[in-house]
Protein backbone atom coordinates (compact mmCIF):
# COMPACT_ATOMS: atom_id res chain seq x y z
CA MET A 1 -12.78 -20.76 40.78
CA GLY A 2 -10.33 -22.32 38.35
CA ILE A 3 -8.98 -20.23 35.49
CA ASP A 4 -7.58 -21.82 32.34
CA ARG A 5 -4.70 -19.69 31.07
CA MET A 6 -3.99 -21.62 27.87
CA PRO A 7 -5.55 -20.93 24.44
CA PRO A 8 -8.67 -23.11 24.10
CA GLN A 9 -7.58 -24.63 20.79
CA GLU A 10 -4.65 -26.31 22.61
CA ARG A 11 -6.90 -28.10 25.09
CA ARG A 12 -8.79 -31.35 24.79
CA ALA A 13 -11.32 -30.16 27.38
CA ALA A 14 -14.84 -29.18 26.40
CA LEU A 15 -15.28 -25.43 25.79
CA ILE A 16 -18.68 -23.90 26.52
CA ASP A 17 -19.15 -20.40 25.11
CA LEU A 18 -21.79 -18.59 27.17
CA ARG A 19 -22.08 -15.53 24.94
CA ALA A 20 -25.30 -14.62 23.15
CA PRO A 21 -25.97 -16.30 19.78
CA SER A 22 -25.06 -13.21 17.74
CA GLU A 23 -21.72 -12.88 19.55
CA PHE A 24 -20.96 -16.54 18.94
CA ALA A 25 -22.00 -16.33 15.28
CA GLU A 26 -19.59 -13.46 14.65
CA ASP A 27 -16.63 -15.55 15.80
CA HIS A 28 -15.67 -18.15 18.37
CA ALA A 29 -12.81 -20.41 19.38
CA PRO A 30 -12.43 -23.70 17.47
CA GLY A 31 -14.59 -26.46 18.89
CA ALA A 32 -16.59 -24.16 21.16
CA ILE A 33 -20.19 -25.08 21.94
CA ASN A 34 -22.62 -22.19 22.28
CA VAL A 35 -24.86 -22.45 25.35
CA PRO A 36 -26.00 -18.83 25.82
CA LEU A 37 -26.53 -17.50 29.29
CA PHE A 38 -28.64 -14.74 27.71
CA GLN A 39 -30.37 -14.61 24.35
CA ASP A 40 -29.66 -11.56 22.18
CA ASP A 41 -32.69 -9.56 23.28
CA THR A 42 -32.00 -10.13 26.98
CA ARG A 43 -28.33 -9.28 26.58
CA SER A 44 -29.25 -6.08 24.76
CA TYR A 45 -31.73 -5.06 27.48
CA VAL A 46 -29.28 -5.83 30.30
CA GLY A 47 -26.67 -3.72 28.50
CA LEU A 48 -29.15 -0.86 28.18
CA LEU A 49 -29.90 -1.01 31.91
CA TYR A 50 -26.18 -0.99 32.67
CA ARG A 51 -25.63 2.16 30.61
CA GLN A 52 -28.67 4.02 31.88
CA PHE A 53 -29.03 2.90 35.51
CA GLY A 54 -25.75 1.28 36.47
CA PRO A 55 -24.35 -2.20 37.14
CA GLU A 56 -26.67 -3.20 39.98
CA ALA A 57 -29.83 -2.63 37.91
CA ALA A 58 -28.31 -4.67 35.08
CA PHE A 59 -27.29 -7.39 37.53
CA GLN A 60 -30.80 -7.73 38.97
CA GLU A 61 -32.36 -8.00 35.50
CA GLY A 62 -29.76 -10.56 34.49
CA ARG A 63 -30.37 -12.47 37.72
CA ALA A 64 -34.10 -12.64 37.02
CA ALA A 65 -33.46 -13.93 33.52
CA VAL A 66 -31.06 -16.60 34.76
CA VAL A 67 -33.47 -17.74 37.47
CA GLU A 68 -36.19 -18.09 34.83
CA GLY A 69 -34.01 -20.03 32.41
CA VAL A 70 -31.59 -21.92 34.66
CA GLN A 71 -33.17 -25.34 34.13
CA THR A 72 -32.75 -25.04 30.38
CA LEU A 73 -29.26 -23.56 30.74
CA VAL A 74 -27.93 -26.35 32.94
CA SER A 75 -29.73 -29.01 30.91
CA ASN A 76 -28.11 -27.73 27.70
CA ILE A 77 -24.66 -27.58 29.30
CA LEU A 78 -24.87 -31.09 30.71
CA SER A 79 -26.34 -32.47 27.49
CA ALA A 80 -23.42 -30.97 25.53
CA ILE A 81 -20.88 -32.79 27.71
CA GLY A 82 -22.86 -35.99 28.18
CA ARG A 83 -23.64 -35.59 31.89
CA PRO A 84 -26.94 -36.35 33.64
CA MET A 85 -29.24 -33.63 34.94
CA PRO A 86 -29.26 -33.32 38.75
CA ALA A 87 -32.48 -33.68 40.72
CA GLU A 88 -32.20 -30.25 42.33
CA ASP A 89 -34.15 -27.02 42.55
CA LEU A 90 -31.79 -24.96 40.42
CA ARG A 91 -33.83 -21.80 40.74
CA SER A 92 -33.30 -21.81 44.51
CA ARG A 93 -29.60 -22.49 43.98
CA VAL A 94 -29.26 -19.41 41.74
CA LEU A 95 -31.21 -17.23 44.18
CA GLU A 96 -28.91 -18.40 46.97
CA LEU A 97 -25.72 -17.73 45.01
CA THR A 98 -26.83 -14.27 43.86
CA GLY A 99 -28.83 -13.11 46.85
CA GLY A 100 -26.23 -10.66 48.12
CA GLY A 101 -26.25 -8.52 44.98
CA MET A 102 -23.54 -7.89 42.43
CA ALA A 103 -20.80 -6.57 44.72
CA ARG A 104 -21.06 -9.48 47.14
CA MET A 105 -21.13 -12.03 44.35
CA GLU A 106 -18.08 -10.58 42.62
CA GLY A 107 -16.22 -10.66 45.92
CA ALA A 108 -17.12 -14.29 46.46
CA LEU A 109 -15.92 -15.42 43.02
CA GLU A 110 -12.20 -15.54 43.70
CA LEU A 111 -9.76 -16.30 40.88
CA CYS A 112 -7.06 -18.93 41.09
CA PRO A 113 -4.96 -20.79 38.50
CA ALA A 114 -6.52 -24.02 37.29
CA GLY A 115 -3.20 -25.79 36.75
CA ASP A 116 -3.12 -28.77 34.41
CA LEU A 117 -6.59 -29.59 33.15
CA GLU A 118 -8.01 -33.08 33.15
CA ASP A 119 -9.38 -34.45 29.90
CA ASP A 120 -12.91 -34.18 31.31
CA ALA A 121 -12.53 -30.51 32.27
CA VAL A 122 -15.29 -28.16 31.16
CA VAL A 123 -14.03 -24.66 30.33
CA PHE A 124 -16.59 -21.86 30.39
CA SER A 125 -15.98 -18.69 28.41
CA CYS A 126 -17.78 -15.37 28.00
CA ALA A 127 -16.73 -12.09 26.40
CA ARG A 128 -14.03 -11.06 28.90
CA GLY A 129 -13.92 -13.83 31.49
CA GLY A 130 -16.17 -11.77 33.75
CA LEU A 131 -19.35 -12.33 35.70
CA ARG A 132 -21.13 -14.44 33.06
CA SER A 133 -18.58 -17.25 33.01
CA ARG A 134 -17.49 -16.95 36.63
CA SER A 135 -21.05 -17.18 37.94
CA VAL A 136 -21.84 -20.19 35.76
CA VAL A 137 -18.66 -21.93 36.94
CA ALA A 138 -19.77 -21.30 40.54
CA LEU A 139 -23.24 -22.69 39.77
CA MET A 140 -21.93 -25.80 38.00
CA ARG A 141 -19.43 -26.54 40.77
CA SER A 142 -22.19 -26.14 43.35
CA ILE A 143 -24.15 -28.96 41.70
CA GLY A 144 -21.17 -31.30 41.51
CA LEU A 145 -19.34 -30.47 38.28
CA ASP A 146 -15.95 -30.18 39.96
CA THR A 147 -14.07 -29.98 36.64
CA ALA A 148 -15.74 -26.67 35.70
CA VAL A 149 -13.27 -23.81 35.16
CA GLY A 150 -13.41 -20.39 33.49
CA LEU A 151 -11.25 -19.11 30.65
CA GLU A 152 -9.29 -16.11 31.86
CA GLY A 153 -9.98 -13.16 29.59
CA GLY A 154 -12.74 -15.07 27.77
CA TYR A 155 -13.22 -14.57 24.03
CA ARG A 156 -11.17 -11.37 24.20
CA ALA A 157 -8.10 -13.39 25.24
CA TYR A 158 -8.67 -15.84 22.39
CA ARG A 159 -9.08 -12.97 19.95
CA HIS A 160 -5.87 -11.35 21.18
CA SER A 161 -3.99 -14.61 20.63
CA VAL A 162 -5.34 -14.83 17.06
CA MET A 163 -4.13 -11.34 16.21
CA GLU A 164 -0.72 -11.96 17.77
CA ARG A 165 -0.25 -15.12 15.73
CA LEU A 166 -1.33 -13.46 12.49
CA GLU A 167 1.02 -10.55 13.02
CA ALA A 168 3.92 -12.90 13.78
CA TRP A 169 3.22 -15.26 10.84
CA GLU A 170 6.02 -15.69 8.32
CA PRO A 171 5.52 -17.17 4.83
CA PRO A 172 7.15 -20.39 3.67
CA GLU A 173 10.10 -20.55 1.28
CA MET A 174 8.01 -20.28 -1.91
CA VAL A 175 4.73 -18.41 -2.40
CA VAL A 176 2.91 -18.86 -5.70
CA SER A 177 -0.12 -16.88 -6.82
CA LEU A 178 -2.60 -18.30 -9.34
CA ARG A 179 -3.90 -15.43 -11.44
CA GLY A 180 -6.26 -15.23 -14.37
CA LEU A 181 -9.53 -13.88 -15.73
CA THR A 182 -12.77 -14.52 -13.88
CA GLY A 183 -14.18 -17.95 -14.63
CA VAL A 184 -10.97 -19.67 -15.72
CA GLY A 185 -11.31 -21.96 -12.70
CA LYS A 186 -8.52 -20.75 -10.42
CA THR A 187 -10.37 -22.00 -7.33
CA LEU A 188 -10.98 -25.39 -8.94
CA VAL A 189 -7.27 -25.67 -9.76
CA LEU A 190 -6.29 -24.58 -6.24
CA ARG A 191 -8.51 -27.21 -4.64
CA ALA A 192 -7.27 -29.89 -7.05
CA ILE A 193 -3.71 -29.02 -6.00
CA GLU A 194 -4.70 -29.47 -2.36
CA GLU A 195 -6.06 -32.91 -3.16
CA LEU A 196 -2.77 -33.91 -4.79
CA ARG A 197 -0.44 -32.10 -2.38
CA PRO A 198 -2.09 -31.61 1.03
CA ASP A 199 -1.13 -28.42 2.89
CA TRP A 200 0.34 -26.75 -0.19
CA THR A 201 -2.52 -24.25 -0.57
CA LEU A 202 -4.18 -21.36 1.21
CA ASP A 203 -7.84 -21.13 0.18
CA LEU A 204 -8.77 -17.56 1.09
CA GLU A 205 -12.16 -17.73 -0.61
CA GLY A 206 -12.99 -20.94 1.21
CA ILE A 207 -12.11 -19.37 4.56
CA ALA A 208 -14.03 -16.17 3.77
CA GLY A 209 -17.09 -17.89 2.28
CA HIS A 210 -16.92 -15.47 -0.64
CA ARG A 211 -15.66 -15.54 -4.25
CA SER A 212 -14.22 -12.04 -4.02
CA SER A 213 -16.49 -10.25 -6.49
CA LEU A 214 -19.76 -8.34 -6.54
CA LEU A 215 -21.58 -11.63 -7.08
CA GLY A 216 -19.18 -13.51 -4.85
CA MET A 217 -21.52 -14.20 -1.94
CA VAL A 218 -24.21 -15.89 -4.05
CA GLY A 219 -24.79 -19.44 -2.81
CA LEU A 220 -22.18 -19.08 -0.07
CA ALA A 221 -22.14 -17.97 3.58
CA PRO A 222 -19.68 -15.08 4.01
CA VAL A 223 -18.09 -14.85 7.44
CA SER A 224 -17.21 -11.85 9.59
CA GLN A 225 -13.76 -10.26 9.64
CA LYS A 226 -13.05 -11.85 13.00
CA ALA A 227 -14.11 -15.31 11.82
CA PHE A 228 -11.99 -14.86 8.68
CA GLU A 229 -8.96 -14.04 10.80
CA SER A 230 -9.66 -17.02 13.08
CA GLY A 231 -9.85 -19.26 10.02
CA LEU A 232 -6.56 -17.89 8.72
CA CYS A 233 -4.97 -18.47 12.11
CA ARG A 234 -6.11 -22.10 12.16
CA ARG A 235 -4.77 -22.63 8.63
CA ALA A 236 -1.46 -20.96 9.50
CA ALA A 237 -1.14 -23.20 12.56
CA ARG A 238 -1.10 -26.27 10.28
CA GLY A 239 1.83 -24.76 8.45
CA PHE A 240 3.20 -25.42 4.96
CA PRO A 241 5.54 -28.35 5.60
CA ALA A 242 6.73 -28.60 1.98
CA GLY A 243 7.90 -24.98 2.06
CA VAL A 244 5.27 -24.03 -0.55
CA MET A 245 2.14 -21.88 -0.30
CA ILE A 246 -0.06 -21.63 -3.37
CA VAL A 247 -2.79 -19.03 -3.16
CA GLU A 248 -5.32 -17.57 -5.55
CA GLY A 249 -4.51 -14.01 -6.58
CA GLU A 250 -6.94 -11.70 -4.78
CA SER A 251 -7.53 -8.05 -4.12
CA ARG A 252 -6.87 -6.93 -0.52
CA LYS A 253 -10.50 -7.73 0.33
CA VAL A 254 -12.20 -11.10 -0.12
CA GLY A 255 -15.77 -9.86 -0.08
CA ASP A 256 -15.84 -7.70 3.06
CA ALA A 257 -12.97 -9.57 4.74
CA VAL A 258 -9.60 -7.79 4.65
CA ILE A 259 -6.50 -9.94 4.22
CA PRO A 260 -4.09 -9.32 7.16
CA SER A 261 -0.91 -7.45 6.34
CA SER A 262 1.45 -10.41 6.89
CA PHE A 263 -0.40 -12.54 4.34
CA TRP A 264 -0.94 -9.63 1.96
CA ALA A 265 2.78 -8.86 1.93
CA ALA A 266 3.57 -12.51 1.13
CA MET A 267 1.07 -12.48 -1.72
CA GLY A 268 2.55 -9.27 -3.08
CA ALA A 269 5.98 -10.93 -3.30
CA ALA A 270 4.63 -14.16 -4.82
CA THR A 271 5.63 -15.73 -8.12
CA ASN A 272 2.65 -15.41 -10.48
CA ILE A 273 1.29 -18.27 -12.58
CA GLU A 274 -1.34 -17.36 -15.17
CA ILE A 275 -4.34 -19.68 -15.39
CA THR A 276 -6.18 -19.50 -18.73
CA ALA A 277 -9.32 -20.97 -20.29
CA GLN A 278 -11.44 -20.43 -23.39
CA MET A 279 -14.78 -18.62 -23.14
CA PRO A 280 -17.01 -21.77 -23.23
CA ARG A 281 -15.13 -23.19 -20.25
CA ARG A 282 -15.37 -19.90 -18.35
CA VAL A 283 -19.13 -19.73 -18.98
CA GLU A 284 -19.44 -23.31 -17.72
CA VAL A 285 -17.45 -22.58 -14.54
CA LEU A 286 -19.39 -19.45 -13.62
CA SER A 287 -22.76 -21.01 -14.43
CA GLU A 288 -22.02 -23.91 -12.11
CA ASP A 289 -20.86 -21.52 -9.38
CA TYR A 290 -23.86 -19.23 -9.36
CA LEU A 291 -26.68 -21.61 -10.28
CA ALA A 292 -25.73 -24.54 -8.05
CA ASP A 293 -28.08 -23.43 -5.26
CA PRO A 294 -31.63 -22.61 -6.47
CA SER A 295 -32.42 -20.88 -3.17
CA ALA A 296 -29.73 -18.30 -3.97
CA LEU A 297 -31.39 -17.15 -7.21
CA PRO A 298 -33.25 -14.17 -5.64
CA LEU A 299 -29.94 -12.84 -4.27
CA LEU A 300 -28.26 -13.45 -7.63
CA ARG A 301 -31.03 -11.51 -9.36
CA ARG A 302 -30.61 -8.53 -7.00
CA GLN A 303 -26.85 -8.52 -7.47
CA LEU A 304 -27.24 -8.67 -11.26
CA GLU A 305 -29.39 -5.55 -11.10
CA THR A 306 -26.55 -3.79 -9.27
CA VAL A 307 -23.98 -5.00 -11.80
CA SER A 308 -26.19 -3.83 -14.68
CA GLU A 309 -26.12 -0.28 -13.32
CA ARG A 310 -22.32 -0.32 -13.53
CA MET A 311 -22.11 -1.62 -17.10
CA PRO A 312 -22.20 0.50 -20.27
CA GLY A 313 -25.73 0.53 -21.64
CA ALA A 314 -27.15 -1.03 -18.45
CA PRO A 315 -28.14 -4.38 -20.03
CA ASP A 316 -31.08 -6.20 -18.48
CA LEU A 317 -29.08 -8.97 -16.83
CA ALA A 318 -31.84 -9.84 -14.35
CA GLY A 319 -34.28 -10.22 -17.23
CA MET A 320 -31.88 -12.57 -18.99
CA LEU A 321 -31.73 -14.67 -15.81
CA ASP A 322 -35.52 -14.72 -15.60
CA ARG A 323 -35.74 -15.95 -19.20
CA GLY A 324 -33.10 -18.61 -18.62
CA VAL A 325 -30.70 -17.12 -21.15
CA ILE A 326 -27.74 -18.23 -19.04
CA GLY A 327 -24.90 -18.68 -21.56
CA PRO A 328 -25.26 -15.26 -23.20
CA LEU A 329 -25.79 -13.67 -19.77
CA VAL A 330 -22.53 -15.06 -18.38
CA GLU A 331 -20.60 -14.24 -21.53
CA LEU A 332 -21.90 -10.67 -21.43
CA LEU A 333 -20.88 -10.38 -17.76
CA LEU A 334 -17.40 -11.59 -18.53
CA GLU A 335 -16.70 -9.54 -21.64
CA ARG A 336 -18.23 -6.25 -20.55
CA TYR A 337 -17.82 -6.26 -16.77
CA TYR A 338 -15.32 -8.70 -15.27
CA ASP A 339 -12.65 -8.77 -17.97
CA PRO A 340 -12.15 -4.98 -18.22
CA LEU A 341 -11.88 -4.74 -14.41
CA TYR A 342 -9.39 -7.58 -14.25
CA ARG A 343 -7.18 -6.32 -17.04
CA ARG A 344 -6.91 -2.92 -15.37
CA SER A 345 -5.97 -4.54 -12.05
CA GLU A 346 -3.35 -6.78 -13.72
CA ALA A 347 -1.55 -4.04 -15.63
CA GLY A 348 2.21 -4.57 -15.32
CA LYS A 349 1.99 -8.08 -13.81
CA GLU A 350 4.53 -10.65 -14.95
CA TYR A 351 3.88 -14.40 -15.09
CA ALA A 352 6.41 -17.19 -14.73
CA VAL A 353 4.28 -19.54 -16.83
CA SER A 354 0.78 -19.80 -18.33
CA ILE A 355 -1.28 -22.96 -17.81
CA ASP A 356 -4.53 -23.88 -19.53
CA ALA A 357 -7.30 -24.95 -17.13
CA ALA A 358 -9.74 -26.64 -19.50
CA CYS A 359 -9.33 -29.54 -17.05
CA ALA A 360 -8.72 -28.42 -13.45
CA GLU A 361 -6.95 -31.64 -12.49
CA ASP A 362 -4.56 -31.44 -15.43
CA ALA A 363 -3.84 -27.80 -14.64
CA ALA A 364 -3.19 -28.69 -11.00
CA SER A 365 -0.68 -31.33 -12.06
CA ALA A 366 1.03 -28.82 -14.35
CA VAL A 367 1.30 -26.28 -11.52
CA ILE A 368 2.76 -28.93 -9.22
CA ARG A 369 5.35 -29.98 -11.80
CA TRP A 370 6.40 -26.37 -12.31
CA VAL A 371 6.65 -25.69 -8.57
CA GLU A 372 8.57 -28.87 -7.83
CA GLY A 373 10.97 -28.10 -10.67
CA ARG A 374 11.51 -24.59 -9.34
CA LEU A 375 12.06 -25.87 -5.79
CA GLU A 376 14.60 -28.39 -7.00
CA SER A 377 16.54 -25.75 -8.90
CA VAL A 378 16.48 -23.32 -5.97
CA ARG A 379 17.61 -25.93 -3.45
CA ASP A 380 20.42 -27.42 -5.57
């Protein structure tokens, strides 16, 4: 069996991730296609058998599940890579390959380096590069897919490479942090900067799928810690060719995702730019953020109930939402909840310049002018 020893993101070959849907959803290599060998319930049951009765019992249950679902499995794999379905009895093929039990099958699946992969190679990956991927490679090769190989170490190897790269990451020459009260539009300014100067910014909230507050998940899809780190790794791989990284000032956690130490240290040493806006603009920004997706209103209502419990006097924020009293609701949130928290967290911070963000595009241009002026003076 061929083994691909290179990180999957550096290959042009197709990458088929055989892990269960929940494993894949937590995190996966860039470009991977999920074709599960086992669904979540089957994987859980096989794992239970392994713990209680040993590997052979788990193997036999897994074998039965694969025999039952092999037509669909192979069809999904071949469909994903644009190959035709063979006219074979795949159930018999699986029974033949696995008939000697787990020990015999593991002994038959020998490992060897794959060498240079062809563009039409199909790389199969599981959690650790074990029996799941190796057995599927054997099956696919037995029906004529000679370019099938397995990823040595599976997802675990990919995950290890992500952590190594994050730990080794070094910041560019200049790191700038956009700071300011909730609702001033820091994210809007950051994204406008990216439009004007590609690869100048690091959008932590975009990678995390979270706005970094108690209401920050409303209308978004927060990702796992592992997926957050994978996203950071992909962004870091693009680099900051201008020698500038502009990031939004955050706490150590963006929702539930923790910023890795290398990035956190760079943010701590950043030059701070204060982004400001008047209350009407802040109300407008937050209203657009939280009310953009009507399907997210039930979650917003539940989160507002939680926020109310933490505010002096416990105002009925959820009731205000129900009545459509949006402007006063947002203003109350800002003045009595967000602003006091932010001012405490910003105590002692110094800012190189303050920029009004009534218009995000104008503010972005102002930030760019300031940064380019600073770079010019530093490099002269």
